[in-house]
Amino acid sequence: MLNGFKKFILRGNVVDLAVGIVVGAAFNSVVQGFVKGIFTPLLGIAGGIPDFTNLKLKIAGSQILAGEFLNAVISFLIIATFIYFFVVVPMNKLKDLSNKGKNSDPTTKVCEFCISEISSKATRCPHCASKLDEEKK
């Protein structure tokens, strides 16, 4: 039982996931510090409020921490923008480059009679022996 657990933990994708979570949490801390220490004060220069953290609304005697929420939204947008432009776009370009030289023609098709997957070059289904229509490759 312990050997199975050891194999599971030491599998590459589990370790990669753990590293990704730790790096993501560290990156989140950096972005939070950037938003609270640099970005919102710069926005405050234009808007007149130097720190959104202290922005509060009072409704029926309750305080709503609108500034904290605004900081969280700004942090989310910065992280999402970073992930999109520095992870998703480069990965899509690498994927497109790796698929560029490959033939996009399918190598298999589905038999219209028995719904089995067969070679796209087949003229007769090896499973049901039906003669296949040449136009439906």
C-alpha atoms as a PDB file:
ATOM      1  CA  MET A   1       0.000   0.000   0.000  1.00  0.00           C
ATOM      2  CA  LEU A   2       2.810   2.427   0.849  1.00  0.00           C
ATOM      3  CA  ASN A   3       4.632   1.560  -2.395  1.00  0.00           C
ATOM      4  CA  GLY A   4       1.562   2.590  -4.389  1.00  0.00           C
ATOM      5  CA  PHE A   5       1.345   5.873  -2.498  1.00  0.00           C
ATOM      6  CA  LYS A   6       5.075   6.475  -3.031  1.00  0.00           C
ATOM      7  CA  LYS A   7       4.701   5.884  -6.797  1.00  0.00           C
ATOM      8  CA  PHE A   8       1.725   8.241  -6.898  1.00  0.00           C
ATOM      9  CA  ILE A   9       3.519  11.042  -5.035  1.00  0.00           C
ATOM     10  CA  LEU A  10       6.724  10.723  -7.035  1.00  0.00           C
ATOM     11  CA  ARG A  11       4.914  10.734 -10.374  1.00  0.00           C
ATOM     12  CA  GLY A  12       6.013  13.670 -12.525  1.00  0.00           C
ATOM     13  CA  ASN A  13       2.632  15.339 -12.929  1.00  0.00           C
ATOM     14  CA  VAL A  14       1.934  15.406  -9.162  1.00  0.00           C
ATOM     15  CA  VAL A  15       5.299  17.035  -8.453  1.00  0.00           C
ATOM     16  CA  ASP A  16       4.794  19.485 -11.341  1.00  0.00           C
ATOM     17  CA  LEU A  17       1.382  20.403  -9.984  1.00  0.00           C
ATOM     18  CA  ALA A  18       2.775  21.004  -6.499  1.00  0.00           C
ATOM     19  CA  VAL A  19       5.559  23.203  -7.878  1.00  0.00           C
ATOM     20  CA  GLY A  20       3.006  25.110  -9.984  1.00  0.00           C
ATOM     21  CA  ILE A  21       0.819  25.791  -6.971  1.00  0.00           C
ATOM     22  CA  VAL A  22       3.755  27.046  -4.881  1.00  0.00           C
ATOM     23  CA  VAL A  23       5.030  29.282  -7.689  1.00  0.00           C
ATOM     24  CA  GLY A  24       1.486  30.529  -8.342  1.00  0.00           C
ATOM     25  CA  ALA A  25       1.013  31.430  -4.679  1.00  0.00           C
ATOM     26  CA  ALA A  26       4.339  33.286  -4.649  1.00  0.00           C
ATOM     27  CA  PHE A  27       3.396  35.120  -7.858  1.00  0.00           C
ATOM     28  CA  ASN A  28       0.041  36.033  -6.308  1.00  0.00           C
ATOM     29  CA  SER A  29       1.870  37.580  -3.325  1.00  0.00           C
ATOM     30  CA  VAL A  30       4.048  39.638  -5.663  1.00  0.00           C
ATOM     31  CA  VAL A  31       1.022  40.882  -7.617  1.00  0.00           C
ATOM     32  CA  GLN A  32      -0.868  41.703  -4.410  1.00  0.00           C
ATOM     33  CA  GLY A  33       2.110  43.755  -3.209  1.00  0.00           C
ATOM     34  CA  PHE A  34       2.347  45.490  -6.584  1.00  0.00           C
ATOM     35  CA  VAL A  35      -1.362  46.360  -6.606  1.00  0.00           C
ATOM     36  CA  LYS A  36      -1.459  47.610  -3.003  1.00  0.00           C
ATOM     37  CA  GLY A  37       1.932  49.334  -2.977  1.00  0.00           C
ATOM     38  CA  ILE A  38       2.317  50.761  -6.487  1.00  0.00           C
ATOM     39  CA  PHE A  39      -0.711  50.397  -8.769  1.00  0.00           C
ATOM     40  CA  THR A  40      -3.552  51.661  -6.570  1.00  0.00           C
ATOM     41  CA  PRO A  41      -1.556  54.644  -5.265  1.00  0.00           C
ATOM     42  CA  LEU A  42      -0.850  55.622  -8.888  1.00  0.00           C
ATOM     43  CA  LEU A  43      -4.566  55.312  -9.645  1.00  0.00           C
ATOM     44  CA  GLY A  44      -5.215  57.317  -6.495  1.00  0.00           C
ATOM     45  CA  ILE A  45      -3.172  60.203  -7.869  1.00  0.00           C
ATOM     46  CA  ALA A  46      -5.614  60.454 -10.755  1.00  0.00           C
ATOM     47  CA  GLY A  47      -8.739  59.726  -8.690  1.00  0.00           C
ATOM     48  CA  GLY A  48      -7.860  61.479  -5.459  1.00  0.00           C
ATOM     49  CA  ILE A  49      -7.875  58.382  -3.223  1.00  0.00           C
ATOM     50  CA  PRO A  50      -4.267  57.331  -2.489  1.00  0.00           C
ATOM     51  CA  ASP A  51      -5.146  53.862  -1.181  1.00  0.00           C
ATOM     52  CA  PHE A  52      -8.191  51.825  -2.131  1.00  0.00           C
ATOM     53  CA  THR A  53      -7.816  49.644   0.967  1.00  0.00           C
ATOM     54  CA  ASN A  54      -9.449  52.348   3.078  1.00  0.00           C
ATOM     55  CA  LEU A  55     -12.359  52.827   0.652  1.00  0.00           C
ATOM     56  CA  LYS A  56     -15.461  51.794   2.607  1.00  0.00           C
ATOM     57  CA  LEU A  57     -19.169  52.253   2.054  1.00  0.00           C
ATOM     58  CA  LYS A  58     -21.590  52.546   4.972  1.00  0.00           C
ATOM     59  CA  ILE A  59     -25.048  51.145   4.317  1.00  0.00           C
ATOM     60  CA  ALA A  60     -27.579  50.775   7.156  1.00  0.00           C
ATOM     61  CA  GLY A  61     -24.820  50.831   9.763  1.00  0.00           C
ATOM     62  CA  SER A  62     -22.692  48.162   8.055  1.00  0.00           C
ATOM     63  CA  GLN A  63     -19.317  48.786   6.496  1.00  0.00           C
ATOM     64  CA  ILE A  64     -18.690  47.371   3.039  1.00  0.00           C
ATOM     65  CA  LEU A  65     -14.982  47.058   2.234  1.00  0.00           C
ATOM     66  CA  ALA A  66     -15.169  48.166  -1.387  1.00  0.00           C
ATOM     67  CA  GLY A  67     -11.461  48.990  -1.495  1.00  0.00           C
ATOM     68  CA  GLU A  68     -10.377  45.441  -0.620  1.00  0.00           C
ATOM     69  CA  PHE A  69     -12.682  44.107  -3.320  1.00  0.00           C
ATOM     70  CA  LEU A  70     -11.327  46.616  -5.839  1.00  0.00           C
ATOM     71  CA  ASN A  71      -7.747  45.582  -5.007  1.00  0.00           C
ATOM     72  CA  ALA A  72      -8.716  41.920  -5.472  1.00  0.00           C
ATOM     73  CA  VAL A  73     -10.316  42.646  -8.862  1.00  0.00           C
ATOM     74  CA  ILE A  74      -7.244  44.581 -10.028  1.00  0.00           C
ATOM     75  CA  SER A  75      -4.971  41.743  -8.842  1.00  0.00           C
ATOM     76  CA  PHE A  76      -7.092  39.184 -10.675  1.00  0.00           C
ATOM     77  CA  LEU A  77      -6.987  41.203 -13.902  1.00  0.00           C
ATOM     78  CA  ILE A  78      -3.208  41.596 -13.695  1.00  0.00           C
ATOM     79  CA  ILE A  79      -2.693  37.867 -13.035  1.00  0.00           C
ATOM     80  CA  ALA A  80      -5.123  36.871 -15.805  1.00  0.00           C
ATOM     81  CA  THR A  81      -3.399  39.232 -18.262  1.00  0.00           C
ATOM     82  CA  PHE A  82       0.026  37.905 -17.311  1.00  0.00           C
ATOM     83  CA  ILE A  83      -1.083  34.280 -17.643  1.00  0.00           C
ATOM     84  CA  TYR A  84      -2.704  34.932 -21.020  1.00  0.00           C
ATOM     85  CA  PHE A  85       0.162  36.860 -22.619  1.00  0.00           C
ATOM     86  CA  PHE A  86       3.103  35.021 -21.050  1.00  0.00           C
ATOM     87  CA  VAL A  87       1.752  31.454 -20.827  1.00  0.00           C
ATOM     88  CA  VAL A  88      -1.267  30.857 -23.098  1.00  0.00           C
ATOM     89  CA  VAL A  89      -0.136  32.836 -26.179  1.00  0.00           C
ATOM     90  CA  PRO A  90       3.416  31.366 -26.247  1.00  0.00           C
ATOM     91  CA  MET A  91       2.077  27.827 -25.687  1.00  0.00           C
ATOM     92  CA  ASN A  92      -0.418  28.254 -28.543  1.00  0.00           C
ATOM     93  CA  LYS A  93       2.364  29.494 -30.820  1.00  0.00           C
ATOM     94  CA  LEU A  94       4.571  26.529 -29.875  1.00  0.00           C
ATOM     95  CA  LYS A  95       1.663  24.176 -30.481  1.00  0.00           C
ATOM     96  CA  ASP A  96       1.000  25.738 -33.889  1.00  0.00           C
ATOM     97  CA  LEU A  97       4.686  25.483 -34.811  1.00  0.00           C
ATOM     98  CA  SER A  98       4.846  21.827 -33.787  1.00  0.00           C
ATOM     99  CA  ASN A  99       1.699  21.012 -35.781  1.00  0.00           C
ATOM    100  CA  LYS A 100       2.723  23.074 -38.815  1.00  0.00           C
ATOM    101  CA  GLY A 101       4.589  20.300 -40.626  1.00  0.00           C
ATOM    102  CA  LYS A 102       2.114  17.559 -39.783  1.00  0.00           C
ATOM    103  CA  ASN A 103      -0.515  16.365 -42.226  1.00  0.00           C
ATOM    104  CA  SER A 104      -3.947  17.526 -41.091  1.00  0.00           C
ATOM    105  CA  ASP A 105      -5.789  14.804 -43.046  1.00  0.00           C
ATOM    106  CA  PRO A 106      -7.443  12.273 -40.748  1.00  0.00           C
ATOM    107  CA  THR A 107      -5.934   8.798 -40.714  1.00  0.00           C
ATOM    108  CA  THR A 108      -9.143   7.128 -39.561  1.00  0.00           C
ATOM    109  CA  LYS A 109     -12.853   7.285 -40.302  1.00  0.00           C
ATOM    110  CA  VAL A 110     -15.996   5.706 -38.892  1.00  0.00           C
ATOM    111  CA  CYS A 111     -17.789   2.886 -40.704  1.00  0.00           C
ATOM    112  CA  GLU A 112     -21.284   4.132 -41.483  1.00  0.00           C
ATOM    113  CA  PHE A 113     -22.750   0.645 -40.955  1.00  0.00           C
ATOM    114  CA  CYS A 114     -21.186  -0.645 -37.707  1.00  0.00           C
ATOM    115  CA  ILE A 115     -19.754   2.641 -36.335  1.00  0.00           C
ATOM    116  CA  SER A 116     -16.287   1.125 -35.908  1.00  0.00           C
ATOM    117  CA  GLU A 117     -13.162   3.218 -36.338  1.00  0.00           C
ATOM    118  CA  ILE A 118     -11.231   2.116 -39.406  1.00  0.00           C
ATOM    119  CA  SER A 119      -8.427   3.344 -41.643  1.00  0.00           C
ATOM    120  CA  SER A 120      -9.370   6.247 -43.891  1.00  0.00           C
ATOM    121  CA  LYS A 121      -7.908   4.330 -46.839  1.00  0.00           C
ATOM    122  CA  ALA A 122     -10.149   1.285 -46.313  1.00  0.00           C
ATOM    123  CA  THR A 123     -12.744   0.471 -48.980  1.00  0.00           C
ATOM    124  CA  ARG A 124     -14.308  -2.368 -46.970  1.00  0.00           C
ATOM    125  CA  CYS A 125     -14.887  -2.447 -43.206  1.00  0.00           C
ATOM    126  CA  PRO A 126     -12.755  -5.124 -41.500  1.00  0.00           C
ATOM    127  CA  HIS A 127     -15.359  -5.473 -38.723  1.00  0.00           C
ATOM    128  CA  CYS A 128     -18.638  -5.886 -40.614  1.00  0.00           C
ATOM    129  CA  ALA A 129     -17.291  -6.465 -44.179  1.00  0.00           C
ATOM    130  CA  SER A 130     -19.536  -3.740 -45.594  1.00  0.00           C
ATOM    131  CA  LYS A 131     -18.420  -2.011 -48.779  1.00  0.00           C
ATOM    132  CA  LEU A 132     -17.732   1.640 -47.947  1.00  0.00           C
ATOM    133  CA  ASP A 133     -18.730   4.609 -50.045  1.00  0.00           C
ATOM    134  CA  GLU A 134     -15.597   6.072 -51.670  1.00  0.00           C
ATOM    135  CA  GLU A 135     -16.827   9.690 -51.309  1.00  0.00           C
ATOM    136  CA  LYS A 136     -17.120   9.510 -47.491  1.00  0.00           C
ATOM    137  CA  LYS A 137     -13.436   9.245 -46.692  1.00  0.00           C
END
